[in-house]
Amino acid sequence: MTSETWNVRVAIDSDGRLTRAEARLEDRPDTVLVAEGTARANPEDPQEPGIGRELAVARALSELSHQLLHLTAQDIEAGTHHPVTRLE
């Protein structure tokens, strides 16, 4: 049995009521995946930066997940010469 560890780096930047997150997966030997997520606070909501960070990171990780599924489908199709219809 082999074991691997893949690391995802998440950088978060907040500017007032806008929060941006960038998620990077660099452990694949041939591909670096980068995804972004944002969250914007409603001006009427109380200032709670933790919620914006959580939402921006969740959106970035969700996008990263979709990118990885897309690459996986391409790899399967290249090997089988058949279209992938369901991975999610």
Protein backbone atom coordinates (compact mmCIF):
# COMPACT_ATOMS: atom_id res chain seq x y z
CA MET A 1 0.00 0.00 0.00
CA THR A 2 1.25 3.47 -0.82
CA SER A 3 0.40 6.65 0.99
CA GLU A 4 0.35 10.24 -0.22
CA THR A 5 -0.40 13.59 1.32
CA TRP A 6 -1.71 16.44 -0.77
CA ASN A 7 -1.69 19.90 0.71
CA VAL A 8 -4.04 22.72 -0.14
CA ARG A 9 -2.82 26.23 0.68
CA VAL A 10 -5.45 28.85 1.35
CA ALA A 11 -4.65 32.57 1.39
CA ILE A 12 -7.29 34.99 2.67
CA ASP A 13 -7.42 38.72 2.03
CA SER A 14 -10.02 41.04 3.55
CA ASP A 15 -10.66 44.60 2.48
CA GLY A 16 -13.47 46.07 4.52
CA ARG A 17 -16.58 44.11 3.71
CA LEU A 18 -15.10 42.08 0.82
CA THR A 19 -13.14 38.89 1.52
CA ARG A 20 -11.19 36.93 -1.08
CA ALA A 21 -9.72 33.46 -0.68
CA GLU A 22 -7.34 31.63 -2.98
CA ALA A 23 -6.94 27.86 -2.70
CA ARG A 24 -3.93 26.19 -4.34
CA LEU A 25 -3.23 22.50 -4.88
CA GLU A 26 0.39 22.16 -5.99
CA ASP A 27 1.09 18.53 -5.12
CA ARG A 28 0.04 17.07 -8.46
CA PRO A 29 3.20 16.35 -10.46
CA ASP A 30 2.07 18.02 -13.67
CA THR A 31 -0.61 20.52 -12.69
CA VAL A 32 -1.14 23.35 -10.24
CA LEU A 33 -4.79 24.08 -9.51
CA VAL A 34 -5.79 27.53 -8.31
CA ALA A 35 -9.31 28.59 -7.36
CA GLU A 36 -10.77 31.75 -5.91
CA GLY A 37 -13.77 32.45 -3.74
CA THR A 38 -15.22 35.73 -2.53
CA ALA A 39 -17.72 36.89 0.04
CA ARG A 40 -19.23 40.33 0.33
CA ALA A 41 -20.97 41.45 3.50
CA ASN A 42 -24.30 43.17 3.25
CA PRO A 43 -23.82 46.78 4.44
CA GLU A 44 -26.79 46.35 6.78
CA ASP A 45 -25.33 43.28 8.49
CA PRO A 46 -23.19 43.61 11.62
CA GLN A 47 -19.44 43.40 11.06
CA GLU A 48 -18.51 39.72 11.49
CA PRO A 49 -15.31 38.98 9.54
CA GLY A 50 -15.24 35.29 10.49
CA ILE A 51 -18.33 34.55 8.43
CA GLY A 52 -16.88 36.23 5.34
CA ARG A 53 -13.65 34.25 5.68
CA GLU A 54 -15.53 30.97 6.05
CA LEU A 55 -17.72 31.66 3.04
CA ALA A 56 -14.87 32.83 0.80
CA VAL A 57 -12.76 29.79 1.71
CA ALA A 58 -15.70 27.41 1.20
CA ARG A 59 -16.30 28.87 -2.25
CA ALA A 60 -12.62 28.61 -3.19
CA LEU A 61 -12.43 24.99 -2.01
CA SER A 62 -15.65 24.14 -3.86
CA GLU A 63 -14.23 25.58 -7.08
CA LEU A 64 -10.96 23.70 -6.51
CA SER A 65 -12.95 20.48 -6.08
CA HIS A 66 -14.77 21.06 -9.37
CA GLN A 67 -11.47 21.69 -11.16
CA LEU A 68 -10.02 18.45 -9.80
CA LEU A 69 -13.13 16.50 -10.86
CA HIS A 70 -12.85 18.00 -14.35
CA LEU A 71 -9.18 16.99 -14.64
CA THR A 72 -10.00 13.51 -13.37
CA ALA A 73 -12.71 13.13 -16.01
CA GLN A 74 -10.23 14.19 -18.70
CA ASP A 75 -7.69 11.63 -17.44
CA ILE A 76 -10.30 8.85 -17.43
CA GLU A 77 -11.49 9.76 -20.93
CA ALA A 78 -7.91 9.82 -22.23
CA GLY A 79 -7.34 6.32 -20.88
CA THR A 80 -10.66 4.72 -21.80
CA HIS A 81 -11.59 6.69 -24.93
CA HIS A 82 -15.14 6.90 -23.55
CA PRO A 83 -16.89 9.97 -22.21
CA VAL A 84 -17.30 10.25 -18.47
CA THR A 85 -20.91 10.92 -17.60
CA ARG A 86 -20.95 10.97 -13.79
CA LEU A 87 -18.26 11.79 -11.24
CA GLU A 88 -20.07 14.10 -8.86
